[in-house]
Amino acid sequence: MRPAAPGHSAPDPATGIHQLERYLAAHAEAQRALRAAESFADRMPQLSSTERRHLVRLYAREHILTSERLCAELAWQRRAHQARDVLRRRCVVVATLVSTACCGFALFALQTLTTR
């Protein structure tokens, strides 16, 4: 492996792997869309070859757009769920700190009252 050029950091392997996974997933989804489009067009033998190609192209594109919308919605839901979890954890920490402070204050007050 070559060292990074001066002023440039070495590429992160995890980033490269993530990009490759995204490319492979997109390619697999495109192949699934094309197979679904071909299967749909096969049910319409009356189409000319030009009409069939056009239908396959439109169907595959719509299939991919639907998949992208679904993935975006799922990603949004995941981020919202993570944000709720963070908020919940913060509330538990604050509640614990407040109850600890109240207990400490109560013990201090009790000790002060009993020593007089």
C-alpha atoms as a PDB file:
ATOM      1  CA  MET A   1       0.000   0.000   0.000  1.00  0.00           C
ATOM      2  CA  ARG A   2       1.375   3.418  -0.925  1.00  0.00           C
ATOM      3  CA  PRO A   3       1.689   6.088   1.746  1.00  0.00           C
ATOM      4  CA  ALA A   4      -0.705   9.008   1.476  1.00  0.00           C
ATOM      5  CA  ALA A   5       0.517  12.064  -0.402  1.00  0.00           C
ATOM      6  CA  PRO A   6       1.623  14.971   1.791  1.00  0.00           C
ATOM      7  CA  GLY A   7      -1.402  16.927   2.983  1.00  0.00           C
ATOM      8  CA  HIS A   8      -3.802  14.050   2.259  1.00  0.00           C
ATOM      9  CA  SER A   9      -4.949  11.465   4.749  1.00  0.00           C
ATOM     10  CA  ALA A  10      -5.074   7.795   3.848  1.00  0.00           C
ATOM     11  CA  PRO A  11      -8.534   6.608   2.742  1.00  0.00           C
ATOM     12  CA  ASP A  12     -10.566   4.941   5.465  1.00  0.00           C
ATOM     13  CA  PRO A  13     -11.093   1.241   4.629  1.00  0.00           C
ATOM     14  CA  ALA A  14     -14.499   1.252   6.340  1.00  0.00           C
ATOM     15  CA  THR A  15     -15.657   4.060   4.049  1.00  0.00           C
ATOM     16  CA  GLY A  16     -14.509   2.143   0.980  1.00  0.00           C
ATOM     17  CA  ILE A  17     -16.250  -1.012   2.149  1.00  0.00           C
ATOM     18  CA  HIS A  18     -19.448   0.945   2.838  1.00  0.00           C
ATOM     19  CA  GLN A  19     -19.328   2.484  -0.651  1.00  0.00           C
ATOM     20  CA  LEU A  20     -18.795  -0.951  -2.199  1.00  0.00           C
ATOM     21  CA  GLU A  21     -21.723  -2.398  -0.225  1.00  0.00           C
ATOM     22  CA  ARG A  22     -23.959   0.462  -1.372  1.00  0.00           C
ATOM     23  CA  TYR A  23     -22.889  -0.055  -4.996  1.00  0.00           C
ATOM     24  CA  LEU A  24     -23.535  -3.801  -4.814  1.00  0.00           C
ATOM     25  CA  ALA A  25     -26.927  -3.272  -3.140  1.00  0.00           C
ATOM     26  CA  ALA A  26     -27.924  -0.712  -5.794  1.00  0.00           C
ATOM     27  CA  HIS A  27     -26.788  -3.061  -8.573  1.00  0.00           C
ATOM     28  CA  ALA A  28     -28.749  -5.969  -7.053  1.00  0.00           C
ATOM     29  CA  GLU A  29     -31.846  -3.771  -6.722  1.00  0.00           C
ATOM     30  CA  ALA A  30     -31.517  -2.658 -10.352  1.00  0.00           C
ATOM     31  CA  GLN A  31     -31.312  -6.319 -11.430  1.00  0.00           C
ATOM     32  CA  ARG A  32     -34.401  -7.181  -9.335  1.00  0.00           C
ATOM     33  CA  ALA A  33     -36.272  -4.250 -10.896  1.00  0.00           C
ATOM     34  CA  LEU A  34     -35.289  -5.344 -14.390  1.00  0.00           C
ATOM     35  CA  ARG A  35     -36.387  -8.947 -13.744  1.00  0.00           C
ATOM     36  CA  ALA A  36     -39.724  -7.726 -12.352  1.00  0.00           C
ATOM     37  CA  ALA A  37     -40.190  -5.448 -15.360  1.00  0.00           C
ATOM     38  CA  GLU A  38     -39.352  -8.238 -17.799  1.00  0.00           C
ATOM     39  CA  SER A  39     -41.776 -10.566 -16.019  1.00  0.00           C
ATOM     40  CA  PHE A  40     -44.503  -7.910 -16.198  1.00  0.00           C
ATOM     41  CA  ALA A  41     -43.866  -7.267 -19.898  1.00  0.00           C
ATOM     42  CA  ASP A  42     -43.918 -11.021 -20.617  1.00  0.00           C
ATOM     43  CA  ARG A  43     -47.611 -11.013 -19.640  1.00  0.00           C
ATOM     44  CA  MET A  44     -48.346  -8.670 -22.566  1.00  0.00           C
ATOM     45  CA  PRO A  45     -47.450 -10.466 -25.785  1.00  0.00           C
ATOM     46  CA  GLN A  46     -49.377  -7.908 -27.842  1.00  0.00           C
ATOM     47  CA  LEU A  47     -46.682  -5.232 -27.282  1.00  0.00           C
ATOM     48  CA  SER A  48     -44.314  -4.386 -30.097  1.00  0.00           C
ATOM     49  CA  SER A  49     -40.599  -4.686 -29.293  1.00  0.00           C
ATOM     50  CA  THR A  50     -40.329  -0.887 -28.955  1.00  0.00           C
ATOM     51  CA  GLU A  51     -43.349  -0.732 -26.645  1.00  0.00           C
ATOM     52  CA  ARG A  52     -41.971  -3.621 -24.617  1.00  0.00           C
ATOM     53  CA  ARG A  53     -38.548  -1.966 -24.181  1.00  0.00           C
ATOM     54  CA  HIS A  54     -40.256   1.282 -23.190  1.00  0.00           C
ATOM     55  CA  LEU A  55     -42.533  -0.490 -20.689  1.00  0.00           C
ATOM     56  CA  VAL A  56     -39.613  -2.426 -19.182  1.00  0.00           C
ATOM     57  CA  ARG A  57     -37.568   0.767 -18.808  1.00  0.00           C
ATOM     58  CA  LEU A  58     -40.439   2.697 -17.175  1.00  0.00           C
ATOM     59  CA  TYR A  59     -41.445  -0.181 -14.896  1.00  0.00           C
ATOM     60  CA  ALA A  60     -37.855  -0.773 -13.747  1.00  0.00           C
ATOM     61  CA  ARG A  61     -37.303   2.934 -13.104  1.00  0.00           C
ATOM     62  CA  GLU A  62     -40.528   3.166 -11.072  1.00  0.00           C
ATOM     63  CA  HIS A  63     -39.558   0.034  -9.133  1.00  0.00           C
ATOM     64  CA  ILE A  64     -36.182   1.571  -8.240  1.00  0.00           C
ATOM     65  CA  LEU A  65     -37.761   4.898  -7.240  1.00  0.00           C
ATOM     66  CA  THR A  66     -40.228   3.079  -4.994  1.00  0.00           C
ATOM     67  CA  SER A  67     -37.373   1.158  -3.384  1.00  0.00           C
ATOM     68  CA  GLU A  68     -35.428   4.382  -2.830  1.00  0.00           C
ATOM     69  CA  ARG A  69     -38.455   6.047  -1.224  1.00  0.00           C
ATOM     70  CA  LEU A  70     -38.960   3.049   1.050  1.00  0.00           C
ATOM     71  CA  CYS A  71     -35.284   3.044   2.062  1.00  0.00           C
ATOM     72  CA  ALA A  72     -35.403   6.780   2.779  1.00  0.00           C
ATOM     73  CA  GLU A  73     -38.529   6.320   4.916  1.00  0.00           C
ATOM     74  CA  LEU A  74     -36.940   3.458   6.843  1.00  0.00           C
ATOM     75  CA  ALA A  75     -33.771   5.500   7.401  1.00  0.00           C
ATOM     76  CA  TRP A  76     -35.854   8.426   8.672  1.00  0.00           C
ATOM     77  CA  GLN A  77     -37.739   6.130  11.057  1.00  0.00           C
ATOM     78  CA  ARG A  78     -34.459   4.664  12.320  1.00  0.00           C
ATOM     79  CA  ARG A  79     -33.041   8.145  12.988  1.00  0.00           C
ATOM     80  CA  ALA A  80     -36.247   9.167  14.776  1.00  0.00           C
ATOM     81  CA  HIS A  81     -36.100   6.021  16.903  1.00  0.00           C
ATOM     82  CA  GLN A  82     -32.452   6.689  17.772  1.00  0.00           C
ATOM     83  CA  ALA A  83     -33.293  10.290  18.724  1.00  0.00           C
ATOM     84  CA  ARG A  84     -36.090   9.058  21.011  1.00  0.00           C
ATOM     85  CA  ASP A  85     -33.674   6.598  22.619  1.00  0.00           C
ATOM     86  CA  VAL A  86     -31.127   9.350  23.249  1.00  0.00           C
ATOM     87  CA  LEU A  87     -33.817  11.580  24.759  1.00  0.00           C
ATOM     88  CA  ARG A  88     -35.075   8.726  26.918  1.00  0.00           C
ATOM     89  CA  ARG A  89     -31.543   8.018  28.196  1.00  0.00           C
ATOM     90  CA  ARG A  90     -30.996  11.684  28.985  1.00  0.00           C
ATOM     91  CA  CYS A  91     -34.286  11.832  30.900  1.00  0.00           C
ATOM     92  CA  VAL A  92     -33.268   8.780  32.941  1.00  0.00           C
ATOM     93  CA  VAL A  93     -29.913  10.403  33.757  1.00  0.00           C
ATOM     94  CA  VAL A  94     -31.566  13.668  34.796  1.00  0.00           C
ATOM     95  CA  ALA A  95     -34.188  11.847  36.883  1.00  0.00           C
ATOM     96  CA  THR A  96     -31.449   9.824  38.582  1.00  0.00           C
ATOM     97  CA  LEU A  97     -29.416  12.930  39.339  1.00  0.00           C
ATOM     98  CA  VAL A  98     -32.452  14.798  40.705  1.00  0.00           C
ATOM     99  CA  SER A  99     -33.548  11.894  42.896  1.00  0.00           C
ATOM    100  CA  THR A 100     -29.978  11.420  44.162  1.00  0.00           C
ATOM    101  CA  ALA A 101     -29.759  15.128  44.991  1.00  0.00           C
ATOM    102  CA  CYS A 102     -33.136  14.994  46.779  1.00  0.00           C
ATOM    103  CA  CYS A 103     -32.056  11.957  48.795  1.00  0.00           C
ATOM    104  CA  GLY A 104     -28.783  13.645  49.661  1.00  0.00           C
ATOM    105  CA  PHE A 105     -30.571  16.807  50.722  1.00  0.00           C
ATOM    106  CA  ALA A 106     -33.059  14.798  52.803  1.00  0.00           C
ATOM    107  CA  LEU A 107     -30.256  12.891  54.537  1.00  0.00           C
ATOM    108  CA  PHE A 108     -28.391  16.130  55.170  1.00  0.00           C
ATOM    109  CA  ALA A 109     -31.535  17.754  56.604  1.00  0.00           C
ATOM    110  CA  LEU A 110     -32.276  14.699  58.746  1.00  0.00           C
ATOM    111  CA  GLN A 111     -28.735  14.626  60.084  1.00  0.00           C
ATOM    112  CA  THR A 112     -28.827  18.357  60.784  1.00  0.00           C
ATOM    113  CA  LEU A 113     -32.153  18.066  62.652  1.00  0.00           C
ATOM    114  CA  THR A 114     -31.068  15.080  64.725  1.00  0.00           C
ATOM    115  CA  THR A 115     -27.738  16.566  65.818  1.00  0.00           C
ATOM    116  CA  ARG A 116     -29.276  19.715  67.348  1.00  0.00           C
END
